[in-house]
Amino acid sequence: MLSYLYELKGPITNGLLLGGLYGIIGIGMSMIFGIVRMVNLAHGDFVILASYLSLVTMSFFPVNPLFTLIIVIPAMCIIGFVIQYYLLNQVLGKGMNPPLLVAFGLSIIVQNILLLIFTPDARTLLTSISVKTIPLGGIINIPLVYLVDFIGSIVTIALLSRFFNRTYMGKAIRAASDDEGAAQLMGINTKTIYAFAMAIATGTAAVAGVLVGMTFTFYPHTGPEYLIIAFGVVIIGGLGSLLGTFLGGLILGLAQILGAHFLGPGFQLLSGYLILLIVLTFKPTGLFAKG
């Protein structure tokens, strides 16, 4: 029994580290649903757009992909603000379907623009981190890029938590999320606040996009794959909870890696979404949902 558990140390460790990346992929979607009450169907495409922006930045400046975040994060924040302020805000309050249709349209537009500019060839953000491993006590070898993904996720979520709890803008966003009418009576322009919230969400998508590009190959049409991952993470963890989203990512990543270990690589996605179905059956609001 002990020897069997000993063999599982590698898959468990890799699953948890991969779950960190899943957490950062889902955090932007969780934020927008919790604050704006909108499902952003273009979230996965924003992640891939950030990967391509990092690729373009590296073509001008031969630096590690992590340093491209200095340019990619502000660029994605501006894109998110403009989209929310001038487009999505115009259809809020008009039912559930208009925002969904606009977000779906954005998804198609982003995919086709990326396809037109970059062609359907596979791309990756090449770095020495992607191929290095860290031996852990002679027991297992941890992919260094997975460790970077995990640390990046923790740092991002910690900064977001501090922002929402300690800054005026963060408290205004929380107020608009809790009660839009009361926030407006207190002089908060909720439409502008929603635009800032989307800017922050696309900023987290920028971090996720760079980490995804360092870890996996990507194509113009792979955004929906990461949208599905984000859905899974958010549903497992619970909408509107930063910590819950992170923990949901850990659970999904662990389920996928262990499923691949026991059943074979072809069952990786299946095992992850079996966990999703179980959570939906017994706790539809998510394991760590607020309230």
Protein backbone atom coordinates (compact mmCIF):
# COMPACT_ATOMS: atom_id res chain seq x y z
CA MET A 1 0.00 0.00 0.00
CA LEU A 2 2.76 2.42 0.94
CA SER A 3 4.66 1.65 -2.25
CA TYR A 4 1.49 2.29 -4.27
CA LEU A 5 1.01 5.69 -2.62
CA TYR A 6 4.69 6.36 -3.21
CA GLU A 7 4.13 5.88 -6.95
CA LEU A 8 1.25 8.38 -6.90
CA LYS A 9 3.40 11.23 -5.60
CA GLY A 10 4.35 12.26 -9.14
CA PRO A 11 0.83 12.40 -10.62
CA ILE A 12 -0.57 14.12 -7.51
CA THR A 13 2.15 16.78 -7.54
CA ASN A 14 1.81 17.41 -11.27
CA GLY A 15 -1.99 17.52 -10.97
CA LEU A 16 -1.86 20.16 -8.25
CA LEU A 17 0.67 22.25 -10.17
CA LEU A 18 -1.41 22.03 -13.36
CA GLY A 19 -4.44 22.98 -11.27
CA GLY A 20 -2.72 26.25 -10.44
CA LEU A 21 -2.71 27.12 -14.15
CA TYR A 22 -6.37 26.12 -14.41
CA GLY A 23 -7.13 28.43 -11.50
CA ILE A 24 -5.64 31.48 -13.19
CA ILE A 25 -7.48 30.59 -16.43
CA GLY A 26 -10.82 30.60 -14.61
CA ILE A 27 -10.38 33.59 -12.31
CA GLY A 28 -11.33 36.23 -14.92
CA MET A 29 -14.55 34.47 -15.86
CA SER A 30 -15.47 34.04 -12.19
CA MET A 31 -14.88 37.75 -11.56
CA ILE A 32 -17.04 38.96 -14.44
CA PHE A 33 -19.92 36.66 -13.56
CA GLY A 34 -19.72 37.61 -9.90
CA ILE A 35 -19.54 41.35 -10.59
CA VAL A 36 -21.39 41.99 -13.86
CA ARG A 37 -23.60 38.86 -13.74
CA MET A 38 -22.54 38.02 -17.29
CA VAL A 39 -21.04 34.86 -18.78
CA ASN A 40 -18.14 35.99 -20.95
CA LEU A 41 -18.04 33.45 -23.77
CA ALA A 42 -14.98 35.22 -25.23
CA HIS A 43 -12.84 34.62 -22.12
CA GLY A 44 -10.91 31.69 -23.60
CA ASP A 45 -10.19 33.70 -26.75
CA PHE A 46 -8.87 36.58 -24.63
CA VAL A 47 -6.46 34.09 -23.06
CA ILE A 48 -5.20 32.99 -26.49
CA LEU A 49 -5.10 36.61 -27.71
CA ALA A 50 -2.73 37.34 -24.83
CA SER A 51 -0.56 34.38 -25.91
CA TYR A 52 -0.26 35.87 -29.40
CA LEU A 53 0.43 39.37 -28.05
CA SER A 54 3.27 37.87 -26.03
CA LEU A 55 4.54 36.12 -29.16
CA VAL A 56 4.52 39.41 -31.09
CA THR A 57 6.30 41.19 -28.23
CA MET A 58 9.00 38.51 -28.21
CA SER A 59 9.54 39.04 -31.94
CA PHE A 60 10.51 42.65 -31.21
CA PHE A 61 12.26 42.10 -27.88
CA PRO A 62 14.06 38.75 -27.45
CA VAL A 63 13.16 38.31 -23.79
CA ASN A 64 11.67 35.61 -21.58
CA PRO A 65 7.88 35.41 -22.09
CA LEU A 66 7.31 36.41 -18.45
CA PHE A 67 8.85 39.82 -19.17
CA THR A 68 6.35 40.40 -21.97
CA LEU A 69 3.67 40.71 -19.27
CA ILE A 70 4.91 44.29 -18.84
CA ILE A 71 3.34 45.03 -22.23
CA VAL A 72 0.68 42.33 -22.53
CA ILE A 73 -1.14 43.06 -19.25
CA PRO A 74 -1.72 46.80 -19.96
CA ALA A 75 -2.70 46.01 -23.56
CA MET A 76 -5.26 43.41 -22.47
CA CYS A 77 -6.60 45.71 -19.74
CA ILE A 78 -7.21 48.44 -22.31
CA ILE A 79 -8.93 45.97 -24.66
CA GLY A 80 -11.14 44.71 -21.84
CA PHE A 81 -12.09 48.23 -20.70
CA VAL A 82 -12.99 49.37 -24.22
CA ILE A 83 -15.04 46.25 -24.97
CA GLN A 84 -17.02 46.51 -21.75
CA TYR A 85 -17.53 50.28 -21.77
CA TYR A 86 -18.43 50.77 -25.43
CA LEU A 87 -20.00 47.42 -26.30
CA LEU A 88 -21.13 45.13 -23.49
CA ASN A 89 -22.47 47.93 -21.27
CA GLN A 90 -24.88 48.81 -24.05
CA VAL A 91 -26.68 45.47 -23.77
CA LEU A 92 -26.61 44.99 -20.00
CA GLY A 93 -30.03 45.01 -18.40
CA LYS A 94 -31.74 43.89 -21.60
CA GLY A 95 -32.04 40.25 -20.65
CA MET A 96 -29.61 37.35 -20.61
CA ASN A 97 -29.37 36.70 -24.35
CA PRO A 98 -27.94 40.00 -25.72
CA PRO A 99 -24.72 39.92 -23.61
CA LEU A 100 -24.24 36.23 -24.46
CA LEU A 101 -24.66 36.90 -28.17
CA VAL A 102 -22.27 39.86 -28.10
CA ALA A 103 -19.65 37.83 -26.21
CA PHE A 104 -20.10 34.93 -28.65
CA GLY A 105 -19.65 37.33 -31.55
CA LEU A 106 -16.47 38.68 -29.97
CA SER A 107 -15.18 35.12 -29.67
CA ILE A 108 -15.71 34.47 -33.39
CA ILE A 109 -14.15 37.82 -34.35
CA VAL A 110 -11.03 37.26 -32.23
CA GLN A 111 -10.55 33.74 -33.61
CA ASN A 112 -10.82 34.90 -37.21
CA ILE A 113 -8.53 37.89 -36.74
CA LEU A 114 -5.88 35.63 -35.17
CA LEU A 115 -6.35 33.10 -37.99
CA LEU A 116 -5.97 35.83 -40.62
CA ILE A 117 -2.82 37.30 -39.09
CA PHE A 118 -1.02 34.26 -37.70
CA THR A 119 -2.34 31.40 -39.92
CA PRO A 120 -3.52 28.10 -38.37
CA ASP A 121 0.02 26.93 -37.53
CA ALA A 122 0.82 25.79 -34.00
CA ARG A 123 2.74 28.31 -31.89
CA THR A 124 4.43 28.26 -28.53
CA LEU A 125 6.30 30.72 -26.33
CA LEU A 126 9.69 29.05 -26.41
CA THR A 127 11.78 29.33 -23.26
CA SER A 128 14.28 27.19 -21.40
CA ILE A 129 11.77 26.94 -18.54
CA SER A 130 9.49 24.84 -20.73
CA VAL A 131 11.90 21.90 -20.92
CA LYS A 132 13.55 21.96 -17.49
CA THR A 133 12.58 19.75 -14.59
CA ILE A 134 13.32 19.93 -10.88
CA PRO A 135 14.26 16.65 -9.16
CA LEU A 136 12.48 16.40 -5.83
CA GLY A 137 14.52 14.27 -3.45
CA GLY A 138 15.26 11.74 -6.17
CA ILE A 139 11.59 10.70 -6.07
CA ILE A 140 9.92 12.69 -8.85
CA ASN A 141 10.83 15.27 -11.46
CA ILE A 142 8.62 18.37 -11.43
CA PRO A 143 8.28 20.30 -14.73
CA LEU A 144 9.66 23.74 -13.97
CA VAL A 145 7.00 25.42 -16.12
CA TYR A 146 4.24 23.83 -14.00
CA LEU A 147 5.88 25.26 -10.88
CA VAL A 148 6.05 28.71 -12.51
CA ASP A 149 2.36 28.40 -13.46
CA PHE A 150 1.45 27.52 -9.88
CA ILE A 151 3.45 30.38 -8.36
CA GLY A 152 2.05 32.82 -10.93
CA SER A 153 -1.48 31.76 -10.02
CA ILE A 154 -0.91 32.21 -6.28
CA VAL A 155 0.71 35.63 -6.74
CA THR A 156 -2.08 36.84 -9.05
CA ILE A 157 -4.87 35.73 -6.72
CA ALA A 158 -3.10 37.22 -3.68
CA LEU A 159 -2.73 40.57 -5.47
CA LEU A 160 -6.38 40.52 -6.56
CA SER A 161 -7.53 39.74 -3.03
CA ARG A 162 -5.49 42.64 -1.65
CA PHE A 163 -6.81 44.94 -4.38
CA PHE A 164 -10.47 44.15 -3.66
CA ASN A 165 -10.06 44.47 0.11
CA ARG A 166 -7.69 47.43 0.44
CA THR A 167 -8.29 49.88 -2.43
CA TYR A 168 -11.13 52.31 -3.14
CA MET A 169 -11.61 50.91 -6.64
CA GLY A 170 -11.73 47.37 -5.29
CA LYS A 171 -14.35 48.31 -2.68
CA ALA A 172 -16.37 50.17 -5.34
CA ILE A 173 -16.35 47.08 -7.56
CA ARG A 174 -17.51 44.95 -4.63
CA ALA A 175 -20.26 47.48 -3.82
CA ALA A 176 -21.50 47.47 -7.43
CA SER A 177 -21.47 43.68 -7.35
CA ASP A 178 -23.43 43.42 -4.10
CA ASP A 179 -26.12 46.01 -4.87
CA GLU A 180 -26.00 48.04 -8.08
CA GLY A 181 -28.83 50.38 -7.02
CA ALA A 182 -27.29 51.20 -3.64
CA ALA A 183 -23.89 51.75 -5.26
CA GLN A 184 -25.42 54.25 -7.69
CA LEU A 185 -27.07 56.11 -4.79
CA MET A 186 -23.62 56.40 -3.19
CA GLY A 187 -22.33 58.13 -6.33
CA ILE A 188 -20.64 55.15 -7.96
CA ASN A 189 -20.87 55.03 -11.75
CA THR A 190 -21.55 51.33 -12.10
CA LYS A 191 -21.05 51.26 -15.86
CA THR A 192 -17.52 52.61 -15.47
CA ILE A 193 -16.91 50.24 -12.57
CA TYR A 194 -17.97 47.30 -14.76
CA ALA A 195 -15.49 48.44 -17.40
CA PHE A 196 -12.69 48.52 -14.82
CA ALA A 197 -13.75 45.07 -13.63
CA MET A 198 -13.50 43.74 -17.19
CA ALA A 199 -10.09 45.40 -17.53
CA ILE A 200 -8.90 43.52 -14.45
CA ALA A 201 -10.42 40.27 -15.72
CA THR A 202 -8.67 40.58 -19.08
CA GLY A 203 -5.49 41.45 -17.18
CA THR A 204 -5.72 38.07 -15.45
CA ALA A 205 -6.40 36.53 -18.89
CA ALA A 206 -3.11 38.10 -19.99
CA VAL A 207 -1.25 36.32 -17.21
CA ALA A 208 -3.05 33.08 -18.06
CA GLY A 209 -2.29 33.49 -21.77
CA VAL A 210 1.44 33.89 -21.25
CA LEU A 211 1.57 30.91 -18.88
CA VAL A 212 -0.53 28.80 -21.28
CA GLY A 213 1.76 29.73 -24.17
CA MET A 214 4.81 28.67 -22.16
CA THR A 215 3.19 25.37 -21.17
CA PHE A 216 1.29 24.22 -24.27
CA THR A 217 1.14 24.87 -28.01
CA PHE A 218 -1.73 27.11 -29.09
CA TYR A 219 -3.69 27.91 -32.24
CA PRO A 220 -6.12 30.71 -33.18
CA HIS A 221 -9.07 28.38 -32.55
CA THR A 222 -8.02 26.95 -29.15
CA GLY A 223 -9.78 29.65 -27.11
CA PRO A 224 -12.95 27.57 -26.61
CA GLU A 225 -10.85 24.78 -25.06
CA TYR A 226 -9.75 27.13 -22.31
CA LEU A 227 -13.27 28.52 -22.01
CA ILE A 228 -14.41 24.99 -21.15
CA ILE A 229 -11.62 24.68 -18.58
CA ALA A 230 -12.65 28.02 -17.08
CA PHE A 231 -16.27 26.84 -16.89
CA GLY A 232 -15.19 23.68 -15.10
CA VAL A 233 -13.02 25.54 -12.61
CA VAL A 234 -15.69 28.13 -11.84
CA ILE A 235 -18.47 25.57 -11.45
CA ILE A 236 -16.40 23.36 -9.14
CA GLY A 237 -15.03 26.22 -7.06
CA GLY A 238 -18.09 28.46 -6.95
CA LEU A 239 -18.86 31.73 -8.72
CA GLY A 240 -17.45 34.94 -7.28
CA SER A 241 -14.88 33.36 -4.97
CA LEU A 242 -11.19 33.99 -5.72
CA LEU A 243 -9.99 31.28 -3.37
CA GLY A 244 -12.77 28.95 -4.50
CA THR A 245 -11.73 29.39 -8.14
CA PHE A 246 -8.13 28.55 -7.27
CA LEU A 247 -9.17 25.46 -5.31
CA GLY A 248 -11.52 24.47 -8.12
CA GLY A 249 -8.54 24.58 -10.48
CA LEU A 250 -6.56 22.32 -8.17
CA ILE A 251 -9.41 19.80 -8.03
CA LEU A 252 -9.88 19.78 -11.81
CA GLY A 253 -6.16 19.49 -12.52
CA LEU A 254 -5.74 16.71 -9.98
CA ALA A 255 -8.75 14.81 -11.34
CA GLN A 256 -7.44 15.01 -14.91
CA ILE A 257 -3.90 13.86 -14.12
CA LEU A 258 -5.05 11.01 -11.88
CA GLY A 259 -7.61 9.98 -14.50
CA ALA A 260 -4.86 9.85 -17.13
CA HIS A 261 -2.66 7.86 -14.71
CA PHE A 262 -5.25 5.20 -13.91
CA LEU A 263 -7.28 5.04 -17.13
CA GLY A 264 -4.90 6.30 -19.81
CA PRO A 265 -4.27 9.70 -21.46
CA GLY A 266 -7.45 9.44 -23.52
CA PHE A 267 -9.55 9.63 -20.36
CA GLN A 268 -7.93 12.78 -18.94
CA LEU A 269 -10.73 15.18 -19.90
CA LEU A 270 -13.42 12.63 -19.09
CA SER A 271 -12.18 12.12 -15.54
CA GLY A 272 -12.03 15.87 -14.95
CA TYR A 273 -15.58 16.44 -16.05
CA LEU A 274 -16.92 13.46 -14.15
CA ILE A 275 -15.83 15.40 -11.06
CA LEU A 276 -17.67 18.41 -12.48
CA LEU A 277 -20.88 16.41 -12.87
CA ILE A 278 -20.59 15.06 -9.32
CA VAL A 279 -20.21 18.60 -7.94
CA LEU A 280 -23.21 19.80 -9.97
CA THR A 281 -25.28 16.92 -8.64
CA PHE A 282 -24.59 17.44 -4.94
CA LYS A 283 -23.68 21.16 -4.73
CA PRO A 284 -24.79 23.10 -7.82
CA THR A 285 -23.49 26.42 -6.46
CA GLY A 286 -19.93 25.08 -6.24
CA LEU A 287 -17.89 23.70 -3.37
CA PHE A 288 -16.61 27.04 -2.14
CA ALA A 289 -19.33 29.46 -3.27
CA LYS A 290 -20.06 32.49 -1.13
CA GLY A 291 -23.07 32.16 1.09
